[in-house]
N, C-alpha and C. Protein backbone atom coordinates (compact mmCIF):
# COMPACT_ATOMS: atom_id res chain seq x y z
N MET A 1 8.71 107.62 177.78
CA MET A 1 8.86 107.29 178.38
C MET A 1 10.11 106.38 177.69
N THR A 2 10.76 105.28 178.02
CA THR A 2 12.08 104.64 176.74
C THR A 2 12.10 103.58 176.62
N MET A 3 12.62 103.37 175.51
CA MET A 3 11.90 101.66 175.40
C MET A 3 12.34 101.00 176.41
N ASN A 4 13.21 100.98 176.86
CA ASN A 4 13.46 99.89 178.21
C ASN A 4 12.89 100.20 178.94
N GLU A 5 12.22 101.42 179.61
CA GLU A 5 10.79 101.91 180.55
C GLU A 5 9.71 101.02 180.29
N ALA A 6 9.46 101.02 178.23
CA ALA A 6 8.42 99.86 178.00
C ALA A 6 8.98 98.77 178.48
N ILE A 7 9.74 98.01 177.49
CA ILE A 7 10.11 96.35 178.56
C ILE A 7 9.18 96.32 179.50
N ASP A 8 10.41 97.04 180.43
CA ASP A 8 9.79 96.22 181.64
C ASP A 8 8.11 96.25 181.92
N PHE A 9 7.24 97.34 181.67
CA PHE A 9 5.97 97.78 181.39
C PHE A 9 5.26 97.40 181.65
N VAL A 10 5.56 96.89 180.20
CA VAL A 10 4.75 95.27 179.23
C VAL A 10 4.70 94.22 180.30
N ASN A 11 6.49 93.89 180.90
CA ASN A 11 6.91 92.56 180.97
C ASN A 11 6.37 92.42 182.50
N SER A 12 5.79 93.14 183.10
CA SER A 12 5.27 93.47 184.51
C SER A 12 3.51 93.34 184.50
N LEU A 13 3.03 93.38 183.69
CA LEU A 13 1.59 92.82 183.42
C LEU A 13 1.33 91.67 182.72
N PRO A 14 0.69 91.12 183.69
CA PRO A 14 -0.72 90.46 183.63
C PRO A 14 -0.80 89.30 182.52
N PRO A 15 -1.01 87.42 182.23
CA PRO A 15 -1.12 87.30 181.06
C PRO A 15 -2.21 88.04 180.37
N GLU A 16 -3.46 87.97 181.06
CA GLU A 16 -4.49 88.68 180.30
C GLU A 16 -4.84 90.31 180.41
N SER A 17 -3.79 90.77 180.45
CA SER A 17 -4.11 92.55 179.81
C SER A 17 -2.88 92.32 178.73
N ILE A 18 -1.57 91.37 178.60
CA ILE A 18 -1.39 91.17 177.45
C ILE A 18 -2.01 91.31 176.47
N ASP A 19 -3.11 89.50 177.07
CA ASP A 19 -4.03 89.71 175.51
C ASP A 19 -5.01 91.41 175.28
N LYS A 20 -4.81 91.37 176.49
CA LYS A 20 -6.11 92.42 175.48
C LYS A 20 -5.00 94.44 174.73
N LEU A 21 -3.61 93.75 175.28
CA LEU A 21 -2.74 95.42 175.16
C LEU A 21 -2.92 94.86 173.27
N LEU A 22 -2.50 93.06 173.23
CA LEU A 22 -2.09 93.02 171.23
C LEU A 22 -3.48 93.26 170.92
N ASN A 23 -4.87 93.52 171.68
CA ASN A 23 -6.23 92.99 170.59
C ASN A 23 -5.78 95.63 170.90
N ASP A 24 -5.33 96.11 171.45
CA ASP A 24 -6.36 97.42 171.47
C ASP A 24 -6.02 97.89 170.60
N HIS A 25 -7.05 98.54 170.10
CA HIS A 25 -7.44 99.57 168.42
C HIS A 25 -5.97 100.60 168.32
N LEU A 26 -5.68 101.08 169.61
CA LEU A 26 -4.76 102.71 170.02
C LEU A 26 -3.51 101.64 169.42
N ILE A 27 -2.98 100.77 170.25
CA ILE A 27 -1.80 100.09 170.08
C ILE A 27 -1.22 98.96 168.76
N GLY A 28 -2.14 98.61 168.32
CA GLY A 28 -2.34 97.99 166.80
C GLY A 28 -2.66 99.43 166.03
N GLU A 29 -3.64 99.96 165.71
CA GLU A 29 -2.76 101.26 164.78
C GLU A 29 -1.74 102.08 164.77
N ARG A 30 -1.06 102.10 166.12
CA ARG A 30 0.04 102.89 166.15
C ARG A 30 1.58 102.29 165.34
N ALA A 31 1.19 100.94 166.16
CA ALA A 31 2.45 99.61 165.47
C ALA A 31 2.02 99.28 163.67
N LEU A 32 0.77 99.67 162.93
CA LEU A 32 0.98 99.82 161.53
C LEU A 32 1.37 101.01 161.14
N LYS A 33 0.62 102.57 161.37
CA LYS A 33 1.58 103.53 161.42
C LYS A 33 3.36 102.99 160.75
N LEU A 34 4.14 102.53 162.36
CA LEU A 34 5.36 102.90 162.90
C LEU A 34 5.84 101.54 162.10
N THR A 35 4.73 100.43 161.84
CA THR A 35 5.69 99.17 160.57
C THR A 35 5.39 100.24 158.88
N ILE A 36 4.85 101.02 158.71
CA ILE A 36 4.51 101.42 157.49
C ILE A 36 5.24 102.11 156.80
N ARG A 37 5.51 103.63 158.09
CA ARG A 37 7.00 103.52 158.11
C ARG A 37 8.22 103.61 158.41
N HIS A 38 8.19 102.92 159.01
CA HIS A 38 10.14 101.66 158.28
C HIS A 38 10.00 101.41 157.32
N THR A 39 9.18 100.66 155.70
CA THR A 39 8.68 99.89 155.02
C THR A 39 8.15 100.47 154.22
N VAL A 40 8.02 101.43 153.65
CA VAL A 40 7.38 103.03 152.68
C VAL A 40 7.82 102.42 151.98
N THR A 41 9.63 103.39 151.71
CA THR A 41 10.16 102.85 151.08
C THR A 41 10.60 102.10 150.33
N GLU A 42 10.81 101.13 150.74
CA GLU A 42 10.72 99.94 150.07
C GLU A 42 9.72 99.62 149.31
N VAL A 43 8.69 98.92 149.45
CA VAL A 43 6.87 99.44 148.89
C VAL A 43 7.24 100.81 147.78
N VAL A 44 8.10 101.27 148.10
CA VAL A 44 7.70 102.93 147.18
C VAL A 44 8.64 102.08 145.63
N SER A 45 9.69 101.04 146.12
CA SER A 45 11.31 101.07 145.40
C SER A 45 10.36 100.09 144.78
N GLN A 46 8.96 99.58 145.48
CA GLN A 46 8.96 98.28 144.26
C GLN A 46 7.26 98.17 143.27
N MET A 47 7.50 99.41 142.96
CA MET A 47 6.41 99.16 142.74
C MET A 47 6.24 99.76 141.00
N HIS A 48 5.09 99.60 140.02
CA HIS A 48 5.47 99.21 138.54
C HIS A 48 5.38 100.85 138.43
N PRO A 49 6.26 101.83 137.14
CA PRO A 49 6.23 102.89 137.05
C PRO A 49 4.62 103.03 137.45
N LEU A 50 3.81 102.55 136.23
CA LEU A 50 2.08 102.99 136.67
C LEU A 50 1.19 103.30 137.71
N GLU A 51 1.62 102.05 138.85
CA GLU A 51 1.40 102.62 140.15
C GLU A 51 2.04 103.82 140.98
N LEU A 52 2.87 103.69 140.22
CA LEU A 52 3.62 105.38 141.31
C LEU A 52 3.00 106.59 140.27
N LYS A 53 2.39 106.31 139.54
CA LYS A 53 1.96 107.96 138.91
C LYS A 53 0.72 108.35 139.61
N ALA A 54 -0.36 106.96 140.13
CA ALA A 54 -1.51 106.68 140.26
C ALA A 54 -1.40 107.44 141.68
N LEU A 55 0.15 106.50 142.43
CA LEU A 55 -0.07 107.06 144.27
C LEU A 55 0.06 108.72 143.46
N LEU A 56 0.86 109.13 142.68
CA LEU A 56 0.98 110.32 143.25
C LEU A 56 0.64 111.93 143.37
N LYS A 57 -0.90 110.76 142.11
CA LYS A 57 -2.03 111.88 141.78
C LYS A 57 -2.89 111.31 143.16
N ARG A 58 -3.09 110.22 144.15
CA ARG A 58 -4.61 110.40 144.70
C ARG A 58 -3.20 111.07 146.46
N ILE A 59 -1.90 111.45 146.33
CA ILE A 59 -1.48 111.84 147.06
C ILE A 59 -1.31 112.82 147.45
N SER A 60 -0.49 113.66 146.29
CA SER A 60 -0.74 115.31 145.65
C SER A 60 -1.24 116.48 146.55
N PRO A 61 -0.40 117.18 146.36
CA PRO A 61 -1.52 118.49 147.31
C PRO A 61 -2.56 119.41 146.48
N PRO A 62 -3.52 119.16 147.08
CA PRO A 62 -4.28 120.31 145.77
C PRO A 62 -3.63 121.88 144.79
N LEU A 63 -3.73 121.79 144.27
CA LEU A 63 -3.66 123.13 143.51
C LEU A 63 -3.68 124.39 143.90
N SER A 64 -3.00 125.45 144.72
CA SER A 64 -3.15 126.91 144.79
C SER A 64 -3.64 127.54 143.78
N ALA A 65 -4.23 128.38 143.95
CA ALA A 65 -5.15 128.76 142.95
C ALA A 65 -4.13 129.82 141.69
N ARG A 66 -3.36 129.99 142.43
CA ARG A 66 -2.66 130.49 141.60
C ARG A 66 -1.74 129.85 140.75
N ASP A 67 -1.51 128.02 141.42
CA ASP A 67 -0.60 127.61 140.56
C ASP A 67 -1.81 126.47 139.71
N GLN A 68 -3.12 126.43 140.25
CA GLN A 68 -4.10 126.28 138.90
C GLN A 68 -4.33 126.85 137.66
N ALA A 69 -4.02 128.32 137.46
CA ALA A 69 -3.79 128.59 136.72
C ALA A 69 -3.15 129.14 135.97
N ARG A 70 -1.81 128.54 136.28
CA ARG A 70 -1.10 128.21 135.72
C ARG A 70 -0.92 127.54 135.35
N THR A 71 -1.77 125.98 135.21
CA THR A 71 -1.77 124.53 134.82
C THR A 71 -3.30 125.06 133.42
N GLU A 72 -3.48 125.56 133.68
CA GLU A 72 -4.66 125.18 132.86
C GLU A 72 -5.07 126.08 131.21
N GLY A 73 -4.68 125.21 130.66
CA GLY A 73 -4.74 124.92 129.35
C GLY A 73 -4.19 124.43 128.75
N ARG A 74 -3.36 123.24 129.42
CA ARG A 74 -2.91 122.28 129.31
C ARG A 74 -3.58 120.90 128.94
N VAL A 75 -3.94 121.12 127.74
CA VAL A 75 -4.46 119.76 127.59
C VAL A 75 -4.21 119.71 125.61
N THR A 76 -3.89 119.11 125.58
CA THR A 76 -2.86 118.87 123.76
C THR A 76 -3.72 117.86 123.14
N TRP A 77 -4.21 118.51 121.61
CA TRP A 77 -4.98 117.44 120.77
C TRP A 77 -3.48 117.64 119.86
N GLN A 78 -3.42 116.23 119.06
CA GLN A 78 -3.24 116.17 118.09
C GLN A 78 -4.49 115.14 116.99
N VAL A 79 -3.97 114.19 116.17
CA VAL A 79 -4.56 113.56 114.88
C VAL A 79 -3.74 111.67 114.60
N GLU A 80 -3.60 110.54 115.17
CA GLU A 80 -2.73 110.48 115.32
C GLU A 80 -3.18 109.03 114.56
N GLY A 81 -3.26 107.70 114.55
CA GLY A 81 -3.26 106.28 113.28
C GLY A 81 -3.13 105.84 115.07
N ALA A 82 -4.11 105.31 114.47
CA ALA A 82 -4.34 103.59 115.79
C ALA A 82 -3.09 103.13 115.56
N LEU A 83 -3.14 101.68 116.36
CA LEU A 83 -2.33 101.35 115.64
C LEU A 83 -1.79 100.36 115.37
N VAL A 84 -3.06 99.87 115.32
CA VAL A 84 -3.33 98.35 114.76
C VAL A 84 -4.12 98.02 113.01
N THR A 85 -5.51 99.19 113.18
CA THR A 85 -6.17 99.52 112.21
C THR A 85 -5.37 100.59 110.98
N GLY A 86 -4.92 101.41 111.61
CA GLY A 86 -4.26 102.72 111.37
C GLY A 86 -5.20 104.12 110.79
N LYS A 87 -6.75 104.06 111.67
CA LYS A 87 -6.79 104.93 111.12
C LYS A 87 -6.53 105.42 112.29
N PRO A 88 -8.26 106.87 111.79
CA PRO A 88 -7.65 108.09 112.34
C PRO A 88 -8.94 108.31 113.15
N THR A 89 -6.96 108.92 113.97
CA THR A 89 -8.04 109.34 115.80
C THR A 89 -7.35 110.55 116.69
N LEU A 90 -8.06 110.68 117.14
CA LEU A 90 -8.16 111.96 117.99
C LEU A 90 -7.56 112.27 118.81
N ILE A 91 -6.94 112.26 119.68
CA ILE A 91 -6.28 112.43 121.46
C ILE A 91 -5.75 113.37 121.81
N GLY A 92 -6.53 113.32 122.55
CA GLY A 92 -5.76 114.76 123.95
C GLY A 92 -5.49 114.12 124.67
N ARG A 93 -4.64 114.94 126.17
CA ARG A 93 -3.78 114.53 126.53
C ARG A 93 -3.79 115.94 127.41
N CYS A 94 -3.72 115.47 128.41
CA CYS A 94 -3.53 116.84 129.99
C CYS A 94 -2.29 116.10 130.63
N SER A 95 -2.24 116.97 130.42
CA SER A 95 -0.71 117.67 131.28
C SER A 95 -0.48 117.88 132.97
N ARG A 96 -1.76 117.82 133.22
CA ARG A 96 -1.61 118.37 134.64
C ARG A 96 -2.25 116.59 135.50
N CYS A 97 -3.12 115.79 135.18
CA CYS A 97 -3.23 114.81 135.69
C CYS A 97 -3.17 113.64 134.52
N GLY A 98 -2.51 113.42 133.69
CA GLY A 98 -2.28 112.38 133.02
C GLY A 98 -2.76 111.30 132.08
N GLY A 99 -3.75 111.97 132.57
CA GLY A 99 -5.12 111.29 131.09
C GLY A 99 -4.65 111.07 129.05
N ASP A 100 -5.59 110.55 129.59
CA ASP A 100 -5.31 110.99 127.55
C ASP A 100 -7.49 110.23 127.29
N ALA A 101 -7.55 110.94 126.06
CA ALA A 101 -8.41 110.40 125.53
C ALA A 101 -8.23 110.34 124.18
N ALA A 102 -9.21 108.86 123.78
CA ALA A 102 -9.56 109.21 122.37
C ALA A 102 -10.76 108.92 121.20
N PHE A 103 -10.67 109.15 120.41
CA PHE A 103 -12.05 109.77 119.70
C PHE A 103 -11.37 108.74 118.10
N THR A 104 -11.61 107.75 118.15
CA THR A 104 -12.36 107.73 115.91
C THR A 104 -13.13 108.13 115.96
N GLY A 105 -14.57 108.89 116.04
CA GLY A 105 -15.83 109.13 115.65
C GLY A 105 -15.91 109.88 114.28
N THR A 106 -17.17 110.21 113.78
CA THR A 106 -17.70 110.28 112.92
C THR A 106 -17.45 112.51 113.04
N PRO A 107 -16.58 113.08 112.18
CA PRO A 107 -16.18 114.21 111.87
C PRO A 107 -17.07 114.82 112.44
N GLN A 108 -18.77 115.17 112.46
CA GLN A 108 -19.31 116.17 113.32
C GLN A 108 -18.95 115.68 114.52
N GLY A 109 -19.22 114.51 114.94
CA GLY A 109 -18.80 114.09 116.80
C GLY A 109 -17.36 114.66 116.95
N ALA A 110 -16.99 114.56 116.30
CA ALA A 110 -15.24 115.16 116.43
C ALA A 110 -16.01 117.49 117.08
N ARG A 111 -16.65 117.07 115.46
CA ARG A 111 -17.17 119.00 115.95
C ARG A 111 -17.78 118.67 117.67
N GLU A 112 -18.54 118.81 117.76
CA GLU A 112 -19.49 118.09 118.75
C GLU A 112 -18.39 117.89 120.32
N LEU A 113 -17.37 117.40 120.23
CA LEU A 113 -16.42 116.46 121.00
C LEU A 113 -16.23 117.85 121.96
N VAL A 114 -16.24 117.21 123.61
CA VAL A 114 -16.21 117.53 124.52
C VAL A 114 -14.99 116.77 126.03
N TRP A 115 -14.26 116.41 126.10
CA TRP A 115 -13.88 115.78 127.33
C TRP A 115 -13.44 116.35 128.54
N ALA A 116 -14.78 115.73 129.37
CA ALA A 116 -14.08 116.83 130.57
C ALA A 116 -13.45 115.21 131.44
N HIS A 117 -12.70 116.12 132.17
CA HIS A 117 -11.41 115.38 133.30
C HIS A 117 -10.63 116.49 134.36
N CYS A 118 -10.41 115.81 134.91
CA CYS A 118 -8.87 116.63 136.29
C CYS A 118 -9.88 117.82 136.61
N LEU A 119 -9.16 119.04 137.06
CA LEU A 119 -9.75 119.92 138.14
C LEU A 119 -9.54 121.17 135.90
N LEU A 120 -8.60 120.59 135.41
CA LEU A 120 -8.92 121.85 133.77
C LEU A 120 -10.36 121.34 134.27
N GLY A 121 -10.45 120.80 134.09
CA GLY A 121 -12.47 120.99 133.57
C GLY A 121 -12.74 120.32 132.00
N PRO A 122 -13.50 121.05 131.41
CA PRO A 122 -14.14 120.54 129.48
C PRO A 122 -13.07 121.54 128.64
N SER A 123 -13.08 119.80 128.15
CA SER A 123 -12.14 120.72 126.76
C SER A 123 -12.37 120.98 125.78
N ARG A 124 -12.58 120.75 124.76
CA ARG A 124 -12.60 121.30 122.69
C ARG A 124 -11.17 120.69 122.02
N PRO A 125 -11.72 119.88 121.48
CA PRO A 125 -9.94 120.18 121.04
C PRO A 125 -9.97 121.44 119.31
N PRO A 126 -9.15 121.63 119.93
CA PRO A 126 -9.13 123.13 118.87
C PRO A 126 -9.54 123.26 117.12
N ALA A 127 -10.04 124.34 116.96
CA ALA A 127 -10.89 123.95 115.41
C ALA A 127 -9.76 123.26 114.12
N GLU A 128 -8.42 123.98 114.01
CA GLU A 128 -7.88 123.61 113.51
C GLU A 128 -7.57 121.23 113.23
N ILE A 129 -7.56 121.62 114.48
CA ILE A 129 -6.57 120.23 114.73
C ILE A 129 -8.47 119.07 114.60
N VAL A 130 -9.53 119.58 114.70
CA VAL A 130 -11.26 118.67 114.02
C VAL A 130 -10.90 119.48 112.48
N ARG A 131 -10.30 120.02 111.92
CA ARG A 131 -9.89 120.14 109.57
C ARG A 131 -9.29 118.23 109.98
N GLU A 132 -7.48 118.89 110.63
CA GLU A 132 -7.13 118.06 110.27
C GLU A 132 -7.74 116.58 110.48
N TYR A 133 -8.43 115.92 111.34
CA TYR A 133 -9.16 114.34 111.47
C TYR A 133 -10.27 114.66 111.11
N GLU A 134 -10.78 116.16 110.24
CA GLU A 134 -11.96 115.03 109.57
C GLU A 134 -10.62 115.04 107.48
N GLN A 135 -9.96 115.55 107.83
CA GLN A 135 -9.16 115.50 106.50
C GLN A 135 -9.23 113.63 106.18
N LYS A 136 -8.24 113.74 107.33
CA LYS A 136 -7.71 112.81 107.04
C LYS A 136 -8.09 111.00 107.04
N ILE A 137 -9.73 111.57 108.08
CA ILE A 137 -10.92 110.65 107.55
C ILE A 137 -11.43 110.42 106.62
N ASP A 138 -11.87 111.87 105.26
CA ASP A 138 -12.32 112.04 104.19
C ASP A 138 -10.76 110.82 102.96
N THR A 139 -9.79 111.44 103.27
CA THR A 139 -9.30 110.70 103.19
C THR A 139 -9.17 109.06 102.54
N ARG A 140 -9.71 107.71 104.34
CA ARG A 140 -9.23 107.34 103.57
C ARG A 140 -10.24 106.75 103.31
N MET A 141 -12.11 106.82 103.48
CA MET A 141 -13.38 106.54 102.86
C MET A 141 -12.79 107.02 101.26
């Protein structure tokens, strides 16, 4: 049906049918999809970078088995000083999901630390990073 035919069709309806047409779920759903389709680029262009990152995580297709195997082991661990206190902090960052974890507990807790996140699954900091964390904790005491 062309646009002119659709206009003629709607104009030929009695007023009570037009009210029903405007409240019809099928019409409403399709109108909403058309509206979104025509405005999505404007909406995305106005998003904050963190919102856009979260959106990409939600809408990205799941990784294939081959791609998932390639991304395994992409959690990086390092010891940093906290911004305000300077206290040593064990930081884990995941390149797959963009998540991060911060640990400021005891050296024993660092040795037992397991970070469960995204599809990569649980991750433990490497022994050399845990030793670095322990050394920095000891020098502060």
